[in-house]
């Protein structure tokens, strides 16, 4: 006779044997499905994701920590290659090179329809996840920008008027605020991007630093 406790307990082996044709889900499957939802403009729901990959909500939360953390990973999966490509495709060095990278990166994000739709449909979430937490998408963009500026400094092409990390933070947060504001307000992103590039150039040249 089977006890109630044994009925409730889910044994992975028994579940696998009961459905041998279905591969066991992994955290990567959750990420891929969330990325698919995001690209299609669907709401990323923990319940829908759990059902989609065949695991419990408890398991899914254990894998991803929170919905915001999962969204962060989805955003970073697009932001990182976009930033890397912007560096590769922008010639020269120094201030104008950094501004050019910033313009390419911002333009790519601002014209990417899934990103525009996400920001417009989820303004509170989009603003909330703009943090300098090292794990957040914005935190990692700040780190990537810091490394890029440091590389230009090491090559003798750039000299900053303030600590490199502080300049990187100002560039990323100012650019993000201007871009998000334009999208949420239903305006063209081009003026916002050019304004952000102007501010970036001034930051790099020390125009905001008191002498």
N, C-alpha and C. Protein backbone atom coordinates (compact mmCIF):
# COMPACT_ATOMS: atom_id res chain seq x y z
N UNK A 1 0.85 -1.19 0.00
CA UNK A 1 0.00 0.00 0.00
C UNK A 1 0.89 1.25 0.00
N UNK A 2 0.60 2.21 -0.91
CA UNK A 2 1.43 3.41 -1.05
C UNK A 2 0.97 4.47 -0.09
N UNK A 3 1.88 5.04 0.67
CA UNK A 3 1.53 6.09 1.62
C UNK A 3 1.29 7.40 0.89
N UNK A 4 0.61 8.33 1.59
CA UNK A 4 0.35 9.63 0.99
C UNK A 4 1.64 10.38 0.73
N UNK A 5 2.60 10.26 1.64
CA UNK A 5 3.86 10.99 1.49
C UNK A 5 4.63 10.51 0.27
N UNK A 6 4.60 9.19 0.00
CA UNK A 6 5.33 8.67 -1.16
C UNK A 6 4.65 9.06 -2.46
N UNK A 7 3.33 9.24 -2.40
CA UNK A 7 2.62 9.69 -3.60
C UNK A 7 3.01 11.12 -3.95
N UNK A 8 3.16 11.94 -2.92
CA UNK A 8 3.47 13.34 -3.16
C UNK A 8 4.92 13.54 -3.58
N UNK A 9 5.80 12.67 -3.14
CA UNK A 9 7.21 12.82 -3.44
C UNK A 9 7.49 12.50 -4.90
N UNK A 10 8.16 13.43 -5.58
CA UNK A 10 8.49 13.24 -6.99
C UNK A 10 9.91 12.70 -7.10
N UNK A 11 10.03 11.50 -7.58
CA UNK A 11 11.33 10.88 -7.75
C UNK A 11 11.76 11.07 -9.21
N UNK A 12 12.85 11.79 -9.47
CA UNK A 12 13.27 12.07 -10.84
C UNK A 12 13.38 10.83 -11.72
N UNK A 13 13.92 9.74 -11.18
CA UNK A 13 14.08 8.53 -11.97
C UNK A 13 12.73 7.97 -12.40
N UNK A 14 11.78 7.93 -11.46
CA UNK A 14 10.45 7.41 -11.77
C UNK A 14 9.78 8.28 -12.84
N UNK A 15 9.92 9.60 -12.70
CA UNK A 15 9.34 10.50 -13.69
C UNK A 15 9.96 10.29 -15.07
N UNK A 16 11.29 10.11 -15.09
CA UNK A 16 11.98 9.89 -16.36
C UNK A 16 11.57 8.59 -17.01
N UNK A 17 11.43 7.54 -16.19
CA UNK A 17 11.03 6.23 -16.72
C UNK A 17 9.59 6.25 -17.23
N UNK A 18 8.76 7.08 -16.61
CA UNK A 18 7.36 7.17 -17.03
C UNK A 18 7.22 7.89 -18.37
N UNK A 19 8.21 8.69 -18.73
CA UNK A 19 8.17 9.44 -19.98
C UNK A 19 9.56 9.45 -20.60
N UNK A 20 10.05 8.29 -21.04
CA UNK A 20 11.44 8.18 -21.51
C UNK A 20 11.74 8.96 -22.78
N UNK A 21 10.71 9.30 -23.56
CA UNK A 21 10.95 9.99 -24.82
C UNK A 21 11.16 11.49 -24.65
N UNK A 22 10.80 11.99 -23.49
CA UNK A 22 10.96 13.43 -23.25
C UNK A 22 12.27 13.70 -22.52
N UNK A 23 13.17 14.48 -23.11
CA UNK A 23 14.44 14.77 -22.43
C UNK A 23 14.21 15.60 -21.18
N UNK A 24 15.04 15.39 -20.18
CA UNK A 24 14.90 16.13 -18.94
C UNK A 24 15.32 17.58 -19.14
N UNK A 25 14.52 18.47 -18.60
CA UNK A 25 14.77 19.90 -18.77
C UNK A 25 15.99 20.34 -17.96
N UNK A 26 16.61 21.42 -18.40
CA UNK A 26 17.75 22.01 -17.72
C UNK A 26 17.51 23.52 -17.61
N UNK A 27 18.29 24.22 -16.78
CA UNK A 27 18.15 25.68 -16.70
C UNK A 27 18.32 26.36 -18.06
N UNK A 28 19.16 25.77 -18.92
CA UNK A 28 19.36 26.36 -20.24
C UNK A 28 18.08 26.30 -21.07
N UNK A 29 17.29 25.25 -20.89
CA UNK A 29 16.00 25.15 -21.60
C UNK A 29 15.07 26.28 -21.18
N UNK A 30 15.10 26.62 -19.90
CA UNK A 30 14.27 27.72 -19.39
C UNK A 30 14.72 29.03 -20.04
N UNK A 31 16.03 29.25 -20.09
CA UNK A 31 16.56 30.46 -20.69
C UNK A 31 16.15 30.56 -22.17
N UNK A 32 16.28 29.47 -22.90
CA UNK A 32 15.95 29.48 -24.33
C UNK A 32 14.47 29.79 -24.55
N UNK A 33 13.61 29.21 -23.72
CA UNK A 33 12.18 29.46 -23.86
C UNK A 33 11.85 30.90 -23.48
N UNK A 34 12.48 31.42 -22.42
CA UNK A 34 12.26 32.81 -22.03
C UNK A 34 12.72 33.76 -23.13
N UNK A 35 13.83 33.44 -23.75
CA UNK A 35 14.36 34.26 -24.85
C UNK A 35 13.39 34.26 -26.03
N UNK A 36 12.81 33.10 -26.31
CA UNK A 36 11.83 32.96 -27.39
C UNK A 36 10.59 33.80 -27.08
N UNK A 37 10.09 33.70 -25.85
CA UNK A 37 8.94 34.50 -25.43
C UNK A 37 9.24 35.99 -25.62
N UNK A 38 10.44 36.41 -25.18
CA UNK A 38 10.83 37.82 -25.23
C UNK A 38 10.87 38.32 -26.67
N UNK A 39 11.46 37.54 -27.55
CA UNK A 39 11.56 37.93 -28.96
C UNK A 39 10.18 38.04 -29.61
N UNK A 40 9.26 37.20 -29.17
CA UNK A 40 7.91 37.19 -29.74
C UNK A 40 6.99 38.20 -29.07
N UNK A 41 7.49 38.89 -28.06
CA UNK A 41 6.68 39.89 -27.37
C UNK A 41 5.71 39.30 -26.37
N UNK A 42 5.93 38.05 -25.98
CA UNK A 42 5.06 37.41 -25.00
C UNK A 42 5.52 37.74 -23.58
N UNK A 43 4.59 37.78 -22.66
CA UNK A 43 4.93 38.02 -21.25
C UNK A 43 5.72 36.84 -20.71
N UNK A 44 6.82 37.12 -20.04
CA UNK A 44 7.62 36.07 -19.44
C UNK A 44 7.01 35.71 -18.09
N UNK A 45 6.33 34.59 -18.05
CA UNK A 45 5.64 34.15 -16.84
C UNK A 45 6.33 32.91 -16.29
N UNK A 46 6.61 32.92 -14.99
CA UNK A 46 7.24 31.77 -14.35
C UNK A 46 6.38 30.53 -14.52
N UNK A 47 5.06 30.70 -14.37
CA UNK A 47 4.14 29.57 -14.53
C UNK A 47 4.17 28.99 -15.94
N UNK A 48 4.15 29.86 -16.95
CA UNK A 48 4.19 29.40 -18.35
C UNK A 48 5.52 28.73 -18.67
N UNK A 49 6.60 29.28 -18.15
CA UNK A 49 7.91 28.69 -18.40
C UNK A 49 8.02 27.31 -17.74
N UNK A 50 7.54 27.21 -16.50
CA UNK A 50 7.59 25.93 -15.79
C UNK A 50 6.79 24.88 -16.55
N UNK A 51 5.62 25.27 -17.01
CA UNK A 51 4.78 24.34 -17.78
C UNK A 51 5.44 23.99 -19.10
N UNK A 52 6.07 24.98 -19.73
CA UNK A 52 6.69 24.76 -21.03
C UNK A 52 7.84 23.78 -21.01
N UNK A 53 8.62 23.78 -19.93
CA UNK A 53 9.77 22.87 -19.86
C UNK A 53 9.48 21.64 -19.01
N UNK A 54 8.31 21.61 -18.36
CA UNK A 54 7.92 20.42 -17.61
C UNK A 54 8.55 20.29 -16.24
N UNK A 55 8.72 21.42 -15.52
CA UNK A 55 9.23 21.36 -14.15
C UNK A 55 8.28 22.16 -13.26
N UNK A 56 8.45 22.01 -11.96
CA UNK A 56 7.60 22.75 -11.03
C UNK A 56 8.08 24.20 -10.91
N UNK A 57 7.19 25.06 -10.43
CA UNK A 57 7.57 26.45 -10.21
C UNK A 57 8.69 26.55 -9.18
N UNK A 58 8.65 25.68 -8.18
CA UNK A 58 9.69 25.68 -7.15
C UNK A 58 11.05 25.40 -7.78
N UNK A 59 11.10 24.40 -8.65
CA UNK A 59 12.35 24.05 -9.33
C UNK A 59 12.83 25.20 -10.20
N UNK A 60 11.88 25.80 -10.92
CA UNK A 60 12.26 26.88 -11.82
C UNK A 60 12.82 28.08 -11.06
N UNK A 61 12.18 28.43 -9.94
CA UNK A 61 12.69 29.53 -9.12
C UNK A 61 14.08 29.20 -8.57
N UNK A 62 14.29 27.93 -8.24
CA UNK A 62 15.61 27.53 -7.74
C UNK A 62 16.66 27.69 -8.83
N UNK A 63 16.26 27.48 -10.06
CA UNK A 63 17.19 27.59 -11.18
C UNK A 63 17.50 29.04 -11.55
N UNK A 64 16.48 29.92 -11.54
CA UNK A 64 16.67 31.27 -12.09
C UNK A 64 16.68 32.37 -11.03
N UNK A 65 16.33 32.05 -9.80
CA UNK A 65 16.29 32.98 -8.67
C UNK A 65 15.05 33.86 -8.68
N UNK A 66 14.81 34.58 -9.79
CA UNK A 66 13.63 35.43 -9.89
C UNK A 66 13.37 35.74 -11.36
N UNK A 67 12.18 36.25 -11.64
CA UNK A 67 11.86 36.60 -13.03
C UNK A 67 12.76 37.72 -13.53
N UNK A 68 13.03 38.71 -12.67
CA UNK A 68 13.90 39.81 -13.07
C UNK A 68 15.30 39.32 -13.43
N UNK A 69 15.82 38.37 -12.65
CA UNK A 69 17.15 37.83 -12.95
C UNK A 69 17.15 37.13 -14.30
N UNK A 70 16.06 36.41 -14.60
CA UNK A 70 15.96 35.72 -15.88
C UNK A 70 15.89 36.73 -17.02
N UNK A 71 15.10 37.79 -16.84
CA UNK A 71 15.00 38.84 -17.86
C UNK A 71 16.37 39.49 -18.07
N UNK A 72 17.11 39.69 -16.99
CA UNK A 72 18.46 40.26 -17.09
C UNK A 72 19.34 39.42 -18.01
N UNK A 73 19.28 38.10 -17.85
CA UNK A 73 20.10 37.22 -18.67
C UNK A 73 19.69 37.27 -20.13
N UNK A 74 18.38 37.38 -20.36
CA UNK A 74 17.89 37.49 -21.74
C UNK A 74 18.39 38.79 -22.37
N UNK A 75 18.29 39.90 -21.64
CA UNK A 75 18.75 41.19 -22.16
C UNK A 75 20.25 41.16 -22.44
N UNK A 76 21.01 40.59 -21.52
CA UNK A 76 22.46 40.54 -21.69
C UNK A 76 22.86 39.67 -22.88
N UNK A 77 22.07 38.65 -23.17
CA UNK A 77 22.39 37.77 -24.30
C UNK A 77 22.34 38.52 -25.63
N UNK A 78 21.61 39.64 -25.67
CA UNK A 78 21.58 40.48 -26.87
C UNK A 78 22.55 41.66 -26.74
N UNK A 79 22.67 42.21 -25.55
CA UNK A 79 23.51 43.39 -25.36
C UNK A 79 24.99 43.08 -25.57
N UNK A 80 25.47 41.95 -25.06
CA UNK A 80 26.91 41.64 -25.14
C UNK A 80 27.41 41.56 -26.58
N UNK A 81 26.79 40.71 -27.44
CA UNK A 81 27.30 40.66 -28.82
C UNK A 81 27.13 41.98 -29.55
N UNK A 82 26.09 42.74 -29.20
CA UNK A 82 25.88 44.04 -29.84
C UNK A 82 27.01 45.00 -29.48
N UNK A 83 27.40 45.00 -28.21
CA UNK A 83 28.50 45.87 -27.76
C UNK A 83 29.82 45.43 -28.38
N UNK A 84 30.06 44.13 -28.40
CA UNK A 84 31.30 43.60 -29.00
C UNK A 84 31.39 43.97 -30.48
N UNK A 85 30.27 43.85 -31.20
CA UNK A 85 30.25 44.19 -32.62
C UNK A 85 30.49 45.68 -32.83
N UNK A 86 29.94 46.51 -31.93
CA UNK A 86 30.13 47.96 -32.05
C UNK A 86 31.60 48.32 -31.95
N UNK A 87 32.32 47.65 -31.05
CA UNK A 87 33.76 47.91 -30.91
C UNK A 87 34.51 47.48 -32.17
N UNK A 88 34.17 46.30 -32.69
CA UNK A 88 34.85 45.78 -33.88
C UNK A 88 34.60 46.63 -35.12
N UNK A 89 33.39 47.20 -35.21
CA UNK A 89 32.99 47.91 -36.42
C UNK A 89 33.32 49.40 -36.39
N UNK A 90 33.80 49.90 -35.24
CA UNK A 90 34.12 51.33 -35.13
C UNK A 90 35.62 51.55 -35.29
N UNK A 91 36.04 52.26 -36.32
CA UNK A 91 37.47 52.47 -36.55
C UNK A 91 38.07 53.52 -35.61
N UNK A 92 39.38 53.65 -35.71
CA UNK A 92 40.07 54.70 -34.97
C UNK A 92 40.28 54.40 -33.50
N UNK A 93 40.56 55.44 -32.76
CA UNK A 93 40.79 55.29 -31.34
C UNK A 93 40.54 56.61 -30.63
N UNK A 94 40.59 56.57 -29.31
CA UNK A 94 40.41 57.79 -28.53
C UNK A 94 38.96 58.18 -28.36
N UNK A 95 38.75 59.47 -28.13
CA UNK A 95 37.42 60.00 -27.82
C UNK A 95 36.40 59.67 -28.90
N UNK A 96 36.75 59.97 -30.16
CA UNK A 96 35.77 59.76 -31.24
C UNK A 96 35.46 58.29 -31.46
N UNK A 97 36.44 57.43 -31.20
CA UNK A 97 36.18 55.99 -31.30
C UNK A 97 35.18 55.56 -30.22
N UNK A 98 35.39 56.02 -29.00
CA UNK A 98 34.49 55.65 -27.89
C UNK A 98 33.09 56.18 -28.17
N UNK A 99 33.00 57.42 -28.64
CA UNK A 99 31.69 57.99 -28.97
C UNK A 99 31.04 57.20 -30.10
N UNK A 100 31.84 56.79 -31.08
CA UNK A 100 31.31 56.00 -32.20
C UNK A 100 30.77 54.65 -31.74
N UNK A 101 31.49 54.01 -30.82
CA UNK A 101 31.02 52.74 -30.26
C UNK A 101 29.70 52.96 -29.53
N UNK A 102 29.64 54.02 -28.75
CA UNK A 102 28.43 54.34 -27.99
C UNK A 102 27.25 54.56 -28.95
N UNK A 103 27.49 55.29 -30.03
CA UNK A 103 26.43 55.58 -31.00
C UNK A 103 25.93 54.29 -31.66
N UNK A 104 26.85 53.43 -32.07
CA UNK A 104 26.46 52.17 -32.71
C UNK A 104 25.67 51.28 -31.75
N UNK A 105 26.14 51.20 -30.53
CA UNK A 105 25.48 50.36 -29.53
C UNK A 105 24.08 50.87 -29.22
N UNK A 106 23.96 52.16 -28.97
CA UNK A 106 22.68 52.76 -28.65
C UNK A 106 21.71 52.66 -29.83
N UNK A 107 22.21 52.87 -31.02
CA UNK A 107 21.36 52.80 -32.21
C UNK A 107 20.84 51.37 -32.42
N UNK A 108 21.73 50.39 -32.22
CA UNK A 108 21.32 48.99 -32.39
C UNK A 108 20.23 48.63 -31.39
N UNK A 109 20.38 49.05 -30.14
CA UNK A 109 19.37 48.76 -29.12
C UNK A 109 18.08 49.53 -29.39
N UNK A 110 18.22 50.80 -29.78
CA UNK A 110 17.06 51.64 -29.99
C UNK A 110 16.23 51.30 -31.20
N UNK A 111 16.82 50.56 -32.15
CA UNK A 111 16.07 50.16 -33.35
C UNK A 111 15.71 48.68 -33.34
N UNK A 112 16.09 47.97 -32.28
CA UNK A 112 15.77 46.54 -32.15
C UNK A 112 14.34 46.43 -31.61
N UNK A 113 13.42 45.98 -32.46
CA UNK A 113 12.01 46.02 -32.10
C UNK A 113 11.67 45.27 -30.81
N UNK A 114 12.20 44.07 -30.57
CA UNK A 114 11.90 43.41 -29.30
C UNK A 114 12.32 44.24 -28.09
N UNK A 115 13.45 44.95 -28.20
CA UNK A 115 13.90 45.79 -27.08
C UNK A 115 12.98 46.99 -26.91
N UNK A 116 12.62 47.63 -28.00
CA UNK A 116 11.70 48.77 -27.94
C UNK A 116 10.37 48.35 -27.32
N UNK A 117 9.86 47.21 -27.77
CA UNK A 117 8.57 46.72 -27.27
C UNK A 117 8.64 46.40 -25.78
N UNK A 118 9.73 45.78 -25.36
CA UNK A 118 9.90 45.43 -23.95
C UNK A 118 9.90 46.69 -23.07
N UNK A 119 10.67 47.70 -23.48
CA UNK A 119 10.76 48.93 -22.69
C UNK A 119 9.42 49.66 -22.68
N UNK A 120 8.76 49.71 -23.83
CA UNK A 120 7.49 50.43 -23.92
C UNK A 120 6.38 49.73 -23.13
N UNK A 121 6.34 48.40 -23.21
CA UNK A 121 5.28 47.63 -22.54
C UNK A 121 5.56 47.41 -21.05
N UNK A 122 6.84 47.48 -20.65
CA UNK A 122 7.21 47.20 -19.26
C UNK A 122 8.09 48.31 -18.69
N UNK A 123 7.62 49.56 -18.70
CA UNK A 123 8.49 50.67 -18.27
C UNK A 123 8.99 50.55 -16.84
N UNK A 124 8.14 50.08 -15.92
CA UNK A 124 8.57 49.97 -14.53
C UNK A 124 9.67 48.92 -14.37
N UNK A 125 9.49 47.78 -15.05
CA UNK A 125 10.51 46.73 -14.99
C UNK A 125 11.80 47.21 -15.65
N UNK A 126 11.68 47.85 -16.81
CA UNK A 126 12.85 48.34 -17.54
C UNK A 126 13.65 49.32 -16.70
N UNK A 127 12.96 50.21 -16.00
CA UNK A 127 13.64 51.19 -15.15
C UNK A 127 14.21 50.52 -13.90
N UNK A 128 13.45 49.58 -13.32
CA UNK A 128 13.89 48.93 -12.08
C UNK A 128 15.19 48.17 -12.26
N UNK A 129 15.38 47.55 -13.42
CA UNK A 129 16.57 46.72 -13.60
C UNK A 129 17.78 47.52 -14.07
N UNK A 130 17.64 48.86 -14.15
CA UNK A 130 18.80 49.71 -14.45
C UNK A 130 19.60 49.93 -13.17
N UNK A 131 20.38 48.96 -12.79
CA UNK A 131 21.20 49.07 -11.60
C UNK A 131 22.65 48.75 -11.95
N UNK A 132 23.55 49.12 -11.04
CA UNK A 132 24.97 48.80 -11.28
C UNK A 132 25.37 47.50 -10.58
N UNK A 133 24.37 46.70 -10.20
CA UNK A 133 24.64 45.36 -9.67
C UNK A 133 25.48 44.62 -10.71
N UNK A 134 26.62 44.04 -10.33
CA UNK A 134 27.48 43.35 -11.29
C UNK A 134 26.77 42.25 -12.07
N UNK A 135 25.67 41.71 -11.52
CA UNK A 135 24.96 40.63 -12.21
C UNK A 135 23.92 41.15 -13.19
N UNK A 136 23.53 42.42 -13.06
CA UNK A 136 22.48 42.97 -13.92
C UNK A 136 23.03 43.24 -15.32
N UNK A 137 22.12 43.37 -16.29
CA UNK A 137 22.55 43.69 -17.65
C UNK A 137 23.25 45.04 -17.67
N UNK A 138 22.69 46.03 -16.97
CA UNK A 138 23.32 47.34 -16.93
C UNK A 138 24.67 47.28 -16.22
N UNK A 139 24.75 46.50 -15.15
CA UNK A 139 26.02 46.35 -14.45
C UNK A 139 27.09 45.76 -15.35
N UNK A 140 26.71 44.81 -16.16
CA UNK A 140 27.67 44.18 -17.07
C UNK A 140 28.02 45.08 -18.25
N UNK A 141 27.08 45.93 -18.67
CA UNK A 141 27.40 46.90 -19.71
C UNK A 141 28.39 47.93 -19.16
N UNK A 142 28.19 48.33 -17.90
CA UNK A 142 29.14 49.24 -17.26
C UNK A 142 30.53 48.61 -17.21
N UNK A 143 30.59 47.33 -16.85
CA UNK A 143 31.88 46.63 -16.80
C UNK A 143 32.51 46.55 -18.18
N UNK A 144 31.71 46.26 -19.21
CA UNK A 144 32.22 46.18 -20.58
C UNK A 144 32.73 47.54 -21.03
N UNK A 145 32.02 48.59 -20.67
CA UNK A 145 32.44 49.95 -21.03
C UNK A 145 33.72 50.32 -20.29
N UNK A 146 33.82 49.92 -19.03
CA UNK A 146 35.04 50.18 -18.25
C UNK A 146 36.24 49.51 -18.90
N UNK A 147 36.07 48.27 -19.32
CA UNK A 147 37.16 47.54 -19.98
C UNK A 147 37.54 48.19 -21.30
N UNK A 148 36.54 48.65 -22.04
CA UNK A 148 36.80 49.30 -23.33
C UNK A 148 37.58 50.60 -23.12
N UNK A 149 37.15 51.41 -22.15
CA UNK A 149 37.87 52.65 -21.86
C UNK A 149 39.29 52.36 -21.38
N UNK A 150 39.42 51.36 -20.53
CA UNK A 150 40.75 50.99 -20.01
C UNK A 150 41.67 50.54 -21.13
N UNK A 151 41.12 49.85 -22.11
CA UNK A 151 41.91 49.41 -23.26
C UNK A 151 42.41 50.60 -24.06
N UNK A 152 41.55 51.59 -24.25
CA UNK A 152 41.96 52.79 -24.98
C UNK A 152 43.03 53.57 -24.21
N UNK A 153 42.89 53.59 -22.89
CA UNK A 153 43.89 54.27 -22.05
C UNK A 153 45.23 53.54 -22.15
N UNK A 154 45.19 52.21 -22.06
CA UNK A 154 46.41 51.40 -22.11
C UNK A 154 47.14 51.57 -23.44
N UNK A 155 46.39 51.83 -24.51
CA UNK A 155 46.98 52.01 -25.84
C UNK A 155 47.45 53.44 -26.06
N UNK A 156 47.27 54.28 -25.05
CA UNK A 156 47.71 55.67 -25.15
C UNK A 156 46.81 56.54 -26.00
N UNK A 157 45.59 56.09 -26.24
CA UNK A 157 44.67 56.83 -27.11
C UNK A 157 43.66 57.68 -26.34
N UNK A 158 43.64 57.52 -25.03
CA UNK A 158 42.63 58.20 -24.24
C UNK A 158 43.18 58.56 -22.87
N UNK A 159 42.82 59.75 -22.40
CA UNK A 159 43.17 60.17 -21.05
C UNK A 159 41.92 60.75 -20.41
N UNK A 160 41.46 60.15 -19.33
CA UNK A 160 40.21 60.56 -18.71
C UNK A 160 40.43 61.55 -17.57
N UNK A 161 39.46 62.44 -17.38
CA UNK A 161 39.56 63.44 -16.31
C UNK A 161 39.05 62.93 -14.97
N UNK A 162 38.56 61.70 -14.94
CA UNK A 162 38.00 61.11 -13.72
C UNK A 162 38.26 59.61 -13.74
N UNK A 163 38.08 58.91 -12.61
CA UNK A 163 38.29 57.46 -12.58
C UNK A 163 37.47 56.76 -13.66
N UNK A 164 38.08 55.78 -14.31
CA UNK A 164 37.47 55.14 -15.46
C UNK A 164 36.10 54.53 -15.15
N UNK A 165 35.97 53.92 -13.97
CA UNK A 165 34.70 53.30 -13.59
C UNK A 165 33.59 54.34 -13.49
N UNK A 166 33.92 55.49 -12.91
CA UNK A 166 32.92 56.55 -12.75
C UNK A 166 32.47 57.09 -14.11
N UNK A 167 33.41 57.24 -15.02
CA UNK A 167 33.06 57.71 -16.36
C UNK A 167 32.19 56.68 -17.07
N UNK A 168 32.53 55.41 -16.95
CA UNK A 168 31.73 54.35 -17.57
C UNK A 168 30.31 54.35 -17.04
N UNK A 169 30.16 54.51 -15.73
CA UNK A 169 28.83 54.53 -15.13
C UNK A 169 28.00 55.69 -15.66
N UNK A 170 28.61 56.86 -15.76
CA UNK A 170 27.90 58.04 -16.25
C UNK A 170 27.47 57.85 -17.70
N UNK A 171 28.34 57.28 -18.51
CA UNK A 171 28.01 57.04 -19.92
C UNK A 171 26.82 56.10 -20.05
N UNK A 172 26.87 54.99 -19.33
CA UNK A 172 25.83 53.97 -19.44
C UNK A 172 24.50 54.45 -18.87
N UNK A 173 24.52 55.04 -17.69
CA UNK A 173 23.26 55.47 -17.08
C UNK A 173 22.63 56.64 -17.82
N UNK A 174 23.45 57.58 -18.29
CA UNK A 174 22.91 58.70 -19.05
C UNK A 174 22.30 58.22 -20.37
N UNK A 175 23.04 57.37 -21.06
CA UNK A 175 22.54 56.84 -22.33
C UNK A 175 21.26 56.04 -22.14
N UNK A 176 21.24 55.19 -21.10
CA UNK A 176 20.06 54.38 -20.84
C UNK A 176 18.85 55.22 -20.51
N UNK A 177 19.04 56.25 -19.68
CA UNK A 177 17.93 57.11 -19.27
C UNK A 177 17.35 57.85 -20.47
N UNK A 178 18.20 58.37 -21.34
CA UNK A 178 17.72 59.10 -22.51
C UNK A 178 17.01 58.18 -23.49
N UNK A 179 17.57 56.99 -23.70
CA UNK A 179 16.97 56.04 -24.63
C UNK A 179 15.62 55.55 -24.12
N UNK A 180 15.58 55.16 -22.85
CA UNK A 180 14.34 54.66 -22.26
C UNK A 180 13.26 55.73 -22.28
N UNK A 181 13.64 56.97 -21.96
CA UNK A 181 12.69 58.06 -21.93
C UNK A 181 12.05 58.28 -23.29
N UNK A 182 12.86 58.22 -24.34
CA UNK A 182 12.34 58.41 -25.71
C UNK A 182 11.38 57.29 -26.09
N UNK A 183 11.76 56.06 -25.78
CA UNK A 183 10.92 54.91 -26.16
C UNK A 183 9.62 54.91 -25.37
N UNK A 184 9.70 55.11 -24.06
CA UNK A 184 8.50 55.12 -23.22
C UNK A 184 7.57 56.27 -23.63
N UNK A 185 8.17 57.38 -24.06
CA UNK A 185 7.37 58.53 -24.48
C UNK A 185 6.88 58.44 -25.90
N UNK A 186 7.23 57.34 -26.60
CA UNK A 186 6.78 57.17 -27.97
C UNK A 186 7.46 58.08 -28.97
N UNK A 187 8.66 58.57 -28.63
CA UNK A 187 9.38 59.49 -29.51
C UNK A 187 10.48 58.76 -30.28
N UNK A 188 10.99 59.42 -31.30
CA UNK A 188 12.12 58.88 -32.05
C UNK A 188 13.33 58.81 -31.12
N UNK A 189 14.13 57.76 -31.28
CA UNK A 189 15.30 57.61 -30.42
C UNK A 189 16.52 58.35 -30.97
N UNK A 190 16.47 58.79 -32.22
CA UNK A 190 17.65 59.42 -32.83
C UNK A 190 18.12 60.68 -32.09
N UNK A 191 17.22 61.62 -31.75
CA UNK A 191 17.68 62.79 -30.99
C UNK A 191 18.27 62.41 -29.63
N UNK A 192 17.68 61.42 -28.98
CA UNK A 192 18.17 60.98 -27.67
C UNK A 192 19.57 60.39 -27.80
N UNK A 193 19.80 59.62 -28.86
CA UNK A 193 21.10 59.01 -29.08
C UNK A 193 22.16 60.08 -29.35
N UNK A 194 21.82 61.05 -30.17
CA UNK A 194 22.78 62.12 -30.46
C UNK A 194 23.07 62.95 -29.21
N UNK A 195 22.04 63.20 -28.40
CA UNK A 195 22.25 63.93 -27.15
C UNK A 195 23.16 63.14 -26.22
N UNK A 196 22.94 61.82 -26.18
CA UNK A 196 23.77 60.95 -25.35
C UNK A 196 25.22 60.95 -25.83
N UNK A 197 25.41 60.98 -27.14
CA UNK A 197 26.77 61.01 -27.69
C UNK A 197 27.46 62.32 -27.36
N UNK A 198 26.72 63.41 -27.38
CA UNK A 198 27.27 64.72 -27.02
C UNK A 198 27.73 64.72 -25.56
N UNK A 199 26.88 64.17 -24.69
CA UNK A 199 27.22 64.10 -23.27
C UNK A 199 28.43 63.18 -23.05
N UNK A 200 28.46 62.06 -23.78
CA UNK A 200 29.58 61.13 -23.67
C UNK A 200 30.89 61.82 -24.06
N UNK A 201 30.86 62.57 -25.15
CA UNK A 201 32.06 63.28 -25.58
C UNK A 201 32.51 64.29 -24.52
N UNK A 202 31.56 64.99 -23.93
CA UNK A 202 31.89 65.97 -22.89
C UNK A 202 32.46 65.29 -21.65
N UNK A 203 31.92 64.13 -21.30
CA UNK A 203 32.45 63.39 -20.15
C UNK A 203 33.89 62.95 -20.41
N UNK A 204 34.15 62.46 -21.61
CA UNK A 204 35.49 61.99 -21.96
C UNK A 204 36.50 63.13 -22.00
N UNK A 205 36.04 64.32 -22.38
CA UNK A 205 36.93 65.47 -22.49
C UNK A 205 37.00 66.28 -21.20
N UNK A 206 36.24 65.88 -20.19
CA UNK A 206 36.31 66.56 -18.91
C UNK A 206 35.56 67.87 -18.86
N UNK A 207 34.58 68.05 -19.75
CA UNK A 207 33.84 69.32 -19.78
C UNK A 207 32.94 69.49 -18.55
N UNK A 208 32.63 68.38 -17.85
CA UNK A 208 31.80 68.47 -16.67
C UNK A 208 32.61 68.51 -15.38
N UNK A 209 33.91 68.48 -15.51
CA UNK A 209 34.79 68.46 -14.33
C UNK A 209 35.27 69.86 -14.02
N UNK A 210 35.09 70.30 -12.76
CA UNK A 210 35.54 71.64 -12.36
C UNK A 210 37.07 71.66 -12.32
N UNK A 211 37.63 72.69 -12.89
CA UNK A 211 39.08 72.84 -12.91
C UNK A 211 39.58 73.44 -11.60
